[in-house]
N, C-alpha and C. Protein backbone atom coordinates (compact mmCIF):
# COMPACT_ATOMS: atom_id res chain seq x y z
N MET A 1 -18.28 -14.64 8.23
CA MET A 1 -19.58 -15.19 7.97
C MET A 1 -19.96 -15.04 6.50
N LEU A 2 -19.71 -13.88 5.94
CA LEU A 2 -20.02 -13.68 4.52
C LEU A 2 -19.00 -14.38 3.64
N GLY A 3 -17.74 -14.38 4.06
CA GLY A 3 -16.68 -14.98 3.25
C GLY A 3 -16.98 -16.40 2.82
N PRO A 4 -17.24 -17.31 3.78
CA PRO A 4 -17.54 -18.68 3.37
C PRO A 4 -18.80 -18.80 2.51
N ALA A 5 -19.80 -17.99 2.80
CA ALA A 5 -21.04 -18.05 2.00
C ALA A 5 -20.80 -17.60 0.57
N ILE A 6 -20.07 -16.50 0.41
CA ILE A 6 -19.77 -16.01 -0.94
C ILE A 6 -18.86 -17.01 -1.65
N ALA A 7 -17.85 -17.52 -0.96
CA ALA A 7 -16.92 -18.47 -1.57
C ALA A 7 -17.62 -19.74 -2.02
N ARG A 8 -18.55 -20.22 -1.21
CA ARG A 8 -19.28 -21.44 -1.56
C ARG A 8 -20.02 -21.26 -2.89
N ASP A 9 -20.55 -20.07 -3.10
CA ASP A 9 -21.32 -19.80 -4.32
C ASP A 9 -20.47 -19.34 -5.50
N THR A 10 -19.19 -19.02 -5.26
CA THR A 10 -18.37 -18.48 -6.35
C THR A 10 -17.14 -19.35 -6.61
N ILE A 11 -16.14 -19.28 -5.74
CA ILE A 11 -14.87 -19.97 -5.99
C ILE A 11 -14.84 -21.39 -5.46
N GLY A 12 -15.75 -21.73 -4.57
CA GLY A 12 -15.81 -23.08 -4.02
C GLY A 12 -15.10 -23.20 -2.68
N GLU A 13 -15.45 -24.25 -1.97
CA GLU A 13 -14.94 -24.45 -0.61
C GLU A 13 -13.45 -24.76 -0.60
N THR A 14 -12.96 -25.51 -1.58
CA THR A 14 -11.53 -25.84 -1.63
C THR A 14 -10.71 -24.57 -1.84
N ALA A 15 -11.13 -23.73 -2.76
CA ALA A 15 -10.42 -22.47 -3.01
C ALA A 15 -10.47 -21.57 -1.78
N TRP A 16 -11.58 -21.62 -1.04
CA TRP A 16 -11.68 -20.82 0.19
C TRP A 16 -10.63 -21.29 1.20
N GLY A 17 -10.39 -22.58 1.26
CA GLY A 17 -9.34 -23.10 2.13
C GLY A 17 -7.97 -22.59 1.72
N VAL A 18 -7.73 -22.48 0.42
CA VAL A 18 -6.47 -21.93 -0.08
C VAL A 18 -6.36 -20.45 0.30
N VAL A 19 -7.45 -19.74 0.23
CA VAL A 19 -7.48 -18.32 0.62
C VAL A 19 -7.08 -18.17 2.09
N LEU A 20 -7.67 -18.97 2.94
CA LEU A 20 -7.35 -18.90 4.37
C LEU A 20 -5.90 -19.29 4.63
N SER A 21 -5.40 -20.25 3.89
CA SER A 21 -4.00 -20.66 4.03
C SER A 21 -3.06 -19.55 3.58
N ALA A 22 -3.41 -18.86 2.51
CA ALA A 22 -2.58 -17.74 2.04
C ALA A 22 -2.50 -16.65 3.09
N ARG A 23 -3.61 -16.39 3.75
CA ARG A 23 -3.61 -15.40 4.84
C ARG A 23 -2.68 -15.84 5.95
N ALA A 24 -2.73 -17.10 6.31
CA ALA A 24 -1.86 -17.62 7.37
C ALA A 24 -0.39 -17.51 6.99
N VAL A 25 -0.06 -17.78 5.74
CA VAL A 25 1.32 -17.65 5.27
C VAL A 25 1.77 -16.19 5.39
N GLY A 26 0.91 -15.26 5.02
CA GLY A 26 1.23 -13.84 5.16
C GLY A 26 1.47 -13.45 6.61
N LEU A 27 0.62 -13.96 7.50
CA LEU A 27 0.79 -13.70 8.94
C LEU A 27 2.15 -14.18 9.43
N LEU A 28 2.48 -15.41 9.10
CA LEU A 28 3.74 -16.00 9.57
C LEU A 28 4.95 -15.31 8.97
N LEU A 29 4.90 -15.05 7.69
CA LEU A 29 6.03 -14.40 7.02
C LEU A 29 6.31 -13.02 7.61
N MET A 30 5.27 -12.23 7.80
CA MET A 30 5.48 -10.89 8.32
C MET A 30 5.90 -10.92 9.79
N ALA A 31 5.47 -11.90 10.54
CA ALA A 31 5.93 -12.02 11.92
C ALA A 31 7.44 -12.21 11.97
N VAL A 32 7.98 -12.98 11.05
CA VAL A 32 9.43 -13.19 10.97
C VAL A 32 10.12 -11.89 10.56
N VAL A 33 9.56 -11.19 9.58
CA VAL A 33 10.14 -9.93 9.12
C VAL A 33 10.11 -8.89 10.24
N MET A 34 9.01 -8.81 10.96
CA MET A 34 8.87 -7.81 12.02
C MET A 34 9.83 -8.04 13.17
N TYR A 35 10.30 -9.25 13.32
CA TYR A 35 11.29 -9.55 14.36
C TYR A 35 12.55 -8.73 14.14
N ARG A 36 12.89 -8.44 12.90
CA ARG A 36 14.12 -7.72 12.57
C ARG A 36 13.88 -6.25 12.18
N LEU A 37 12.67 -5.90 11.85
CA LEU A 37 12.37 -4.57 11.34
C LEU A 37 12.16 -3.58 12.50
N VAL A 38 12.81 -2.44 12.44
CA VAL A 38 12.61 -1.38 13.42
C VAL A 38 12.00 -0.19 12.70
N VAL A 39 10.84 0.23 13.17
CA VAL A 39 10.11 1.33 12.56
C VAL A 39 9.95 2.43 13.61
N ARG A 40 10.30 3.64 13.27
CA ARG A 40 10.28 4.75 14.22
C ARG A 40 8.87 5.05 14.74
N HIS A 41 7.89 5.01 13.87
CA HIS A 41 6.49 5.26 14.25
C HIS A 41 5.70 3.96 14.02
N LEU A 42 5.88 3.04 14.90
CA LEU A 42 5.35 1.69 14.74
C LEU A 42 3.82 1.66 14.70
N LEU A 43 3.16 2.42 15.57
CA LEU A 43 1.70 2.40 15.58
C LEU A 43 1.14 2.99 14.28
N ARG A 44 1.75 4.04 13.77
CA ARG A 44 1.32 4.61 12.48
C ARG A 44 1.46 3.57 11.37
N PHE A 45 2.61 2.91 11.35
CA PHE A 45 2.86 1.86 10.36
C PHE A 45 1.83 0.73 10.51
N GLY A 46 1.54 0.37 11.75
CA GLY A 46 0.55 -0.68 12.01
C GLY A 46 -0.83 -0.31 11.51
N GLN A 47 -1.24 0.93 11.73
CA GLN A 47 -2.56 1.38 11.26
C GLN A 47 -2.63 1.38 9.74
N LEU A 48 -1.57 1.82 9.10
CA LEU A 48 -1.54 1.79 7.63
C LEU A 48 -1.67 0.36 7.12
N CYS A 49 -0.93 -0.55 7.75
CA CYS A 49 -0.96 -1.95 7.31
C CYS A 49 -2.29 -2.62 7.67
N ALA A 50 -2.93 -2.17 8.74
CA ALA A 50 -4.22 -2.74 9.13
C ALA A 50 -5.28 -2.51 8.05
N ALA A 51 -5.15 -1.42 7.33
CA ALA A 51 -6.10 -1.14 6.24
C ALA A 51 -6.05 -2.22 5.17
N LEU A 52 -4.92 -2.93 5.08
CA LEU A 52 -4.80 -4.01 4.09
C LEU A 52 -5.76 -5.16 4.37
N LEU A 53 -6.25 -5.25 5.60
CA LEU A 53 -7.21 -6.31 5.93
C LEU A 53 -8.52 -6.15 5.15
N ALA A 54 -8.75 -4.98 4.60
CA ALA A 54 -9.96 -4.74 3.82
C ALA A 54 -9.90 -5.38 2.43
N LEU A 55 -8.70 -5.65 1.94
CA LEU A 55 -8.57 -6.17 0.57
C LEU A 55 -9.39 -7.42 0.29
N PRO A 56 -9.31 -8.46 1.11
CA PRO A 56 -10.13 -9.65 0.79
C PRO A 56 -11.63 -9.36 0.77
N MET A 57 -12.08 -8.48 1.64
CA MET A 57 -13.51 -8.16 1.66
C MET A 57 -13.92 -7.46 0.37
N VAL A 58 -13.09 -6.52 -0.07
CA VAL A 58 -13.39 -5.81 -1.32
C VAL A 58 -13.34 -6.79 -2.49
N VAL A 59 -12.32 -7.63 -2.54
CA VAL A 59 -12.18 -8.58 -3.65
C VAL A 59 -13.33 -9.59 -3.65
N LEU A 60 -13.79 -10.00 -2.47
CA LEU A 60 -14.95 -10.90 -2.41
C LEU A 60 -16.17 -10.29 -3.08
N GLY A 61 -16.29 -8.98 -2.98
CA GLY A 61 -17.43 -8.31 -3.57
C GLY A 61 -17.34 -8.12 -5.07
N LEU A 62 -16.17 -8.35 -5.63
CA LEU A 62 -15.97 -8.19 -7.07
C LEU A 62 -16.01 -9.54 -7.76
N ASP A 63 -16.27 -9.55 -9.02
CA ASP A 63 -16.30 -10.79 -9.78
C ASP A 63 -14.92 -11.01 -10.42
N VAL A 64 -13.98 -11.54 -9.60
CA VAL A 64 -12.61 -11.75 -10.07
C VAL A 64 -12.21 -13.20 -9.82
N PRO A 65 -11.18 -13.68 -10.50
CA PRO A 65 -10.73 -15.06 -10.29
C PRO A 65 -10.23 -15.29 -8.86
N ALA A 66 -10.24 -16.53 -8.46
CA ALA A 66 -9.82 -16.90 -7.10
C ALA A 66 -8.39 -16.48 -6.80
N ALA A 67 -7.54 -16.46 -7.81
CA ALA A 67 -6.14 -16.07 -7.59
C ALA A 67 -6.03 -14.67 -7.00
N TRP A 68 -6.92 -13.76 -7.40
CA TRP A 68 -6.92 -12.41 -6.85
C TRP A 68 -7.28 -12.42 -5.37
N LEU A 69 -8.22 -13.27 -5.02
CA LEU A 69 -8.62 -13.38 -3.62
C LEU A 69 -7.51 -14.00 -2.78
N VAL A 70 -6.81 -14.98 -3.33
CA VAL A 70 -5.67 -15.58 -2.63
C VAL A 70 -4.60 -14.53 -2.38
N ALA A 71 -4.29 -13.74 -3.40
CA ALA A 71 -3.28 -12.68 -3.26
C ALA A 71 -3.73 -11.64 -2.23
N ALA A 72 -4.99 -11.26 -2.27
CA ALA A 72 -5.51 -10.28 -1.32
C ALA A 72 -5.44 -10.82 0.11
N ALA A 73 -5.74 -12.10 0.28
CA ALA A 73 -5.68 -12.70 1.61
C ALA A 73 -4.24 -12.74 2.13
N PHE A 74 -3.30 -13.03 1.23
CA PHE A 74 -1.89 -13.05 1.62
C PHE A 74 -1.45 -11.66 2.10
N VAL A 75 -1.80 -10.64 1.33
CA VAL A 75 -1.45 -9.26 1.70
C VAL A 75 -2.14 -8.87 3.01
N ALA A 76 -3.38 -9.28 3.17
CA ALA A 76 -4.10 -8.99 4.42
C ALA A 76 -3.41 -9.68 5.61
N GLY A 77 -2.90 -10.87 5.40
CA GLY A 77 -2.16 -11.55 6.46
C GLY A 77 -0.91 -10.78 6.85
N LEU A 78 -0.22 -10.23 5.86
CA LEU A 78 0.95 -9.38 6.14
C LEU A 78 0.53 -8.20 7.01
N GLY A 79 -0.53 -7.52 6.60
CA GLY A 79 -0.99 -6.34 7.33
C GLY A 79 -1.49 -6.67 8.72
N SER A 80 -2.16 -7.78 8.86
CA SER A 80 -2.67 -8.20 10.16
C SER A 80 -1.54 -8.45 11.15
N SER A 81 -0.49 -9.08 10.68
CA SER A 81 0.65 -9.36 11.53
C SER A 81 1.33 -8.07 11.98
N VAL A 82 1.51 -7.14 11.06
CA VAL A 82 2.12 -5.86 11.42
C VAL A 82 1.28 -5.15 12.47
N MET A 83 -0.03 -5.08 12.25
CA MET A 83 -0.89 -4.36 13.18
C MET A 83 -0.87 -4.99 14.57
N ALA A 84 -0.95 -6.30 14.62
CA ALA A 84 -0.96 -6.98 15.93
C ALA A 84 0.33 -6.70 16.69
N ILE A 85 1.45 -6.80 16.00
CA ILE A 85 2.74 -6.56 16.64
C ILE A 85 2.88 -5.08 17.03
N ALA A 86 2.47 -4.18 16.15
CA ALA A 86 2.56 -2.75 16.44
C ALA A 86 1.70 -2.38 17.64
N TRP A 87 0.50 -2.91 17.71
CA TRP A 87 -0.41 -2.59 18.81
C TRP A 87 0.13 -3.12 20.14
N GLU A 88 0.48 -4.38 20.17
CA GLU A 88 0.97 -4.97 21.42
C GLU A 88 2.28 -4.33 21.87
N THR A 89 3.16 -4.03 20.95
CA THR A 89 4.42 -3.38 21.30
C THR A 89 4.17 -1.98 21.83
N SER A 90 3.28 -1.25 21.20
CA SER A 90 2.95 0.11 21.65
C SER A 90 2.34 0.09 23.04
N LEU A 91 1.47 -0.87 23.30
CA LEU A 91 0.93 -0.99 24.66
C LEU A 91 2.03 -1.22 25.68
N GLN A 92 2.92 -2.15 25.38
CA GLN A 92 4.00 -2.47 26.31
C GLN A 92 4.93 -1.28 26.54
N GLU A 93 5.18 -0.51 25.51
CA GLU A 93 6.11 0.62 25.64
C GLU A 93 5.50 1.85 26.28
N HIS A 94 4.20 2.07 26.09
CA HIS A 94 3.63 3.37 26.46
C HIS A 94 2.58 3.32 27.57
N VAL A 95 2.16 2.16 27.99
CA VAL A 95 1.20 2.07 29.08
C VAL A 95 1.97 1.65 30.33
N PRO A 96 1.82 2.41 31.41
CA PRO A 96 2.53 2.03 32.64
C PRO A 96 2.14 0.62 33.10
N ARG A 97 3.10 -0.08 33.65
CA ARG A 97 2.86 -1.47 34.07
C ARG A 97 1.67 -1.60 35.01
N ARG A 98 1.50 -0.64 35.90
CA ARG A 98 0.41 -0.73 36.88
C ARG A 98 -0.96 -0.67 36.20
N SER A 99 -1.02 -0.13 34.97
CA SER A 99 -2.29 0.00 34.25
C SER A 99 -2.42 -0.97 33.09
N LEU A 100 -1.36 -1.65 32.74
CA LEU A 100 -1.34 -2.46 31.52
C LEU A 100 -2.41 -3.55 31.51
N SER A 101 -2.59 -4.24 32.61
CA SER A 101 -3.59 -5.30 32.67
C SER A 101 -5.00 -4.75 32.42
N ARG A 102 -5.31 -3.63 33.05
CA ARG A 102 -6.63 -3.03 32.89
C ARG A 102 -6.84 -2.56 31.45
N VAL A 103 -5.84 -1.89 30.89
CA VAL A 103 -5.94 -1.39 29.51
C VAL A 103 -6.09 -2.57 28.54
N ALA A 104 -5.30 -3.61 28.72
CA ALA A 104 -5.39 -4.78 27.85
C ALA A 104 -6.75 -5.46 27.98
N SER A 105 -7.30 -5.49 29.18
CA SER A 105 -8.62 -6.10 29.39
C SER A 105 -9.71 -5.33 28.65
N TYR A 106 -9.69 -4.00 28.75
CA TYR A 106 -10.66 -3.19 28.02
C TYR A 106 -10.51 -3.37 26.51
N ASP A 107 -9.27 -3.44 26.06
CA ASP A 107 -8.99 -3.66 24.65
C ASP A 107 -9.60 -4.97 24.18
N GLU A 108 -9.35 -6.03 24.91
CA GLU A 108 -9.89 -7.35 24.54
C GLU A 108 -11.41 -7.36 24.60
N LEU A 109 -11.98 -6.76 25.63
CA LEU A 109 -13.44 -6.72 25.75
C LEU A 109 -14.07 -6.02 24.55
N GLY A 110 -13.53 -4.87 24.19
CA GLY A 110 -14.06 -4.14 23.04
C GLY A 110 -13.90 -4.93 21.75
N SER A 111 -12.77 -5.59 21.60
CA SER A 111 -12.52 -6.36 20.39
C SER A 111 -13.46 -7.55 20.27
N PHE A 112 -13.61 -8.29 21.36
CA PHE A 112 -14.43 -9.50 21.30
C PHE A 112 -15.93 -9.21 21.36
N ALA A 113 -16.34 -8.13 22.00
CA ALA A 113 -17.76 -7.79 22.05
C ALA A 113 -18.29 -7.41 20.68
N ALA A 114 -17.42 -6.82 19.87
CA ALA A 114 -17.85 -6.36 18.55
C ALA A 114 -18.12 -7.52 17.59
N VAL A 115 -17.46 -8.66 17.79
CA VAL A 115 -17.60 -9.78 16.84
C VAL A 115 -19.03 -10.31 16.79
N PRO A 116 -19.63 -10.72 17.92
CA PRO A 116 -21.01 -11.24 17.81
C PRO A 116 -22.01 -10.17 17.38
N LEU A 117 -21.77 -8.94 17.76
CA LEU A 117 -22.68 -7.87 17.33
C LEU A 117 -22.63 -7.71 15.81
N GLY A 118 -21.44 -7.74 15.26
CA GLY A 118 -21.29 -7.65 13.80
C GLY A 118 -21.90 -8.84 13.09
N GLN A 119 -21.72 -10.03 13.66
CA GLN A 119 -22.29 -11.22 13.03
C GLN A 119 -23.81 -11.19 13.05
N LEU A 120 -24.38 -10.67 14.12
CA LEU A 120 -25.85 -10.55 14.17
C LEU A 120 -26.36 -9.49 13.19
N ALA A 121 -25.63 -8.41 13.08
CA ALA A 121 -26.08 -7.31 12.21
C ALA A 121 -25.93 -7.64 10.74
N ILE A 122 -24.93 -8.45 10.39
CA ILE A 122 -24.62 -8.67 8.98
C ILE A 122 -25.71 -9.47 8.25
N VAL A 123 -26.39 -10.34 8.95
CA VAL A 123 -27.40 -11.19 8.30
C VAL A 123 -28.52 -10.37 7.67
N PRO A 124 -29.20 -9.50 8.43
CA PRO A 124 -30.26 -8.72 7.78
C PRO A 124 -29.74 -7.72 6.75
N ILE A 125 -28.55 -7.18 6.99
CA ILE A 125 -27.99 -6.22 6.04
C ILE A 125 -27.66 -6.92 4.71
N ALA A 126 -27.03 -8.10 4.79
CA ALA A 126 -26.71 -8.85 3.58
C ALA A 126 -27.97 -9.34 2.87
N ALA A 127 -29.00 -9.68 3.64
CA ALA A 127 -30.26 -10.11 3.03
C ALA A 127 -30.89 -8.96 2.24
N ALA A 128 -30.74 -7.75 2.75
CA ALA A 128 -31.34 -6.59 2.09
C ALA A 128 -30.50 -6.10 0.90
N LEU A 129 -29.17 -6.12 1.04
CA LEU A 129 -28.32 -5.51 0.02
C LEU A 129 -27.56 -6.50 -0.85
N GLY A 130 -27.45 -7.73 -0.39
CA GLY A 130 -26.68 -8.74 -1.12
C GLY A 130 -25.32 -8.96 -0.48
N ASP A 131 -24.91 -10.22 -0.45
CA ASP A 131 -23.65 -10.59 0.19
C ASP A 131 -22.45 -9.85 -0.39
N ARG A 132 -22.35 -9.85 -1.70
CA ARG A 132 -21.18 -9.26 -2.35
C ARG A 132 -21.12 -7.75 -2.16
N THR A 133 -22.24 -7.11 -2.22
CA THR A 133 -22.29 -5.66 -2.01
C THR A 133 -21.84 -5.32 -0.61
N VAL A 134 -22.34 -6.06 0.37
CA VAL A 134 -21.98 -5.81 1.76
C VAL A 134 -20.50 -6.10 2.00
N ALA A 135 -19.98 -7.16 1.40
CA ALA A 135 -18.56 -7.47 1.56
C ALA A 135 -17.70 -6.35 1.00
N MET A 136 -18.00 -5.91 -0.21
CA MET A 136 -17.19 -4.87 -0.85
C MET A 136 -17.26 -3.56 -0.07
N TRP A 137 -18.45 -3.08 0.22
CA TRP A 137 -18.58 -1.81 0.92
C TRP A 137 -18.17 -1.91 2.38
N GLY A 138 -18.33 -3.09 2.95
CA GLY A 138 -17.81 -3.31 4.31
C GLY A 138 -16.30 -3.18 4.33
N GLY A 139 -15.64 -3.71 3.31
CA GLY A 139 -14.19 -3.57 3.20
C GLY A 139 -13.76 -2.12 3.05
N VAL A 140 -14.47 -1.39 2.22
CA VAL A 140 -14.16 0.03 2.02
C VAL A 140 -14.34 0.79 3.34
N LEU A 141 -15.44 0.52 4.03
CA LEU A 141 -15.70 1.18 5.32
C LEU A 141 -14.64 0.80 6.35
N PHE A 142 -14.27 -0.48 6.39
CA PHE A 142 -13.23 -0.93 7.32
C PHE A 142 -11.93 -0.17 7.07
N ALA A 143 -11.51 -0.07 5.82
CA ALA A 143 -10.26 0.63 5.49
C ALA A 143 -10.35 2.10 5.90
N ALA A 144 -11.48 2.73 5.61
CA ALA A 144 -11.64 4.15 5.95
C ALA A 144 -11.58 4.36 7.46
N LEU A 145 -12.27 3.53 8.22
CA LEU A 145 -12.27 3.68 9.67
C LEU A 145 -10.90 3.38 10.27
N THR A 146 -10.21 2.40 9.71
CA THR A 146 -8.87 2.07 10.18
C THR A 146 -7.92 3.24 9.93
N LEU A 147 -7.99 3.81 8.76
CA LEU A 147 -7.12 4.94 8.43
C LEU A 147 -7.52 6.20 9.18
N ALA A 148 -8.78 6.30 9.59
CA ALA A 148 -9.24 7.48 10.34
C ALA A 148 -8.49 7.64 11.66
N ALA A 149 -8.01 6.55 12.23
CA ALA A 149 -7.22 6.65 13.46
C ALA A 149 -5.98 7.50 13.25
N LEU A 150 -5.50 7.58 12.02
CA LEU A 150 -4.31 8.38 11.72
C LEU A 150 -4.59 9.88 11.73
N LEU A 151 -5.86 10.26 11.84
CA LEU A 151 -6.19 11.68 11.99
C LEU A 151 -5.74 12.19 13.36
N SER A 152 -5.57 11.29 14.30
CA SER A 152 -5.11 11.67 15.64
C SER A 152 -3.60 11.86 15.65
N PRO A 153 -3.14 13.05 16.03
CA PRO A 153 -1.69 13.26 16.13
C PRO A 153 -1.03 12.29 17.10
N ALA A 154 -1.74 11.89 18.15
CA ALA A 154 -1.18 10.96 19.13
C ALA A 154 -0.84 9.62 18.49
N VAL A 155 -1.65 9.18 17.55
CA VAL A 155 -1.39 7.92 16.84
C VAL A 155 -0.27 8.12 15.82
N ARG A 156 -0.36 9.18 15.06
CA ARG A 156 0.64 9.43 14.01
C ARG A 156 2.04 9.65 14.57
N ARG A 157 2.12 10.33 15.70
CA ARG A 157 3.43 10.74 16.21
C ARG A 157 4.01 9.84 17.28
N LEU A 158 3.28 8.84 17.72
CA LEU A 158 3.79 7.96 18.78
C LEU A 158 5.06 7.28 18.32
N ARG A 159 6.12 7.51 19.06
CA ARG A 159 7.44 6.98 18.66
C ARG A 159 7.68 5.62 19.28
N HIS A 160 8.31 4.79 18.50
CA HIS A 160 8.72 3.46 18.96
C HIS A 160 10.18 3.51 19.36
N ASP A 161 10.46 3.11 20.58
CA ASP A 161 11.83 3.05 21.07
C ASP A 161 12.02 1.68 21.71
N PRO A 162 12.72 0.78 21.03
CA PRO A 162 12.87 -0.59 21.55
C PRO A 162 13.50 -0.67 22.94
N ASP A 163 14.21 0.38 23.34
CA ASP A 163 14.85 0.36 24.66
C ASP A 163 13.98 1.00 25.74
N ARG A 164 12.82 1.50 25.36
CA ARG A 164 11.94 2.20 26.30
C ARG A 164 10.94 1.25 26.94
N ARG A 165 10.68 1.45 28.19
CA ARG A 165 9.63 0.71 28.91
C ARG A 165 9.06 1.63 29.95
N THR A 166 7.74 1.85 29.92
CA THR A 166 7.08 2.71 30.90
C THR A 166 6.86 1.95 32.19
N ASP A 167 7.14 2.60 33.30
CA ASP A 167 6.91 1.95 34.62
C ASP A 167 5.93 2.69 35.46
């Protein structure tokens, strides 16, 4: 919601389209790489890479050329792809089949419920503090909260075994 508004006033709508395209290229490229990459602690790696999603938000809050935002979006796409694959793979490997549907449903509910709540909250916050300030500090907060999951030993130490499947 803030991204298009900030882009319209700074880099323009065409450049915003390039930013979104760069993110998509990062997503696709990393999906291909992840097909071949084996990481021992996949969820830890995914959480680290998920923090990269904060880059475009932080860059939106700064007064930098559009090329920086394009690069940040590309890197965020890479991180987004890693996190999605790490999360889904970890669920498949470590959640028993009899519980997987229920766990995935709660995961989706929590993920999708947060979107409209955030969109409703951001309008008055941005009106009070400014779009760019909220984007930058929102990115910093997002990265901090994403990395905070690594404080849990269960997240840090969860091992990825491609031959393992919980039943």
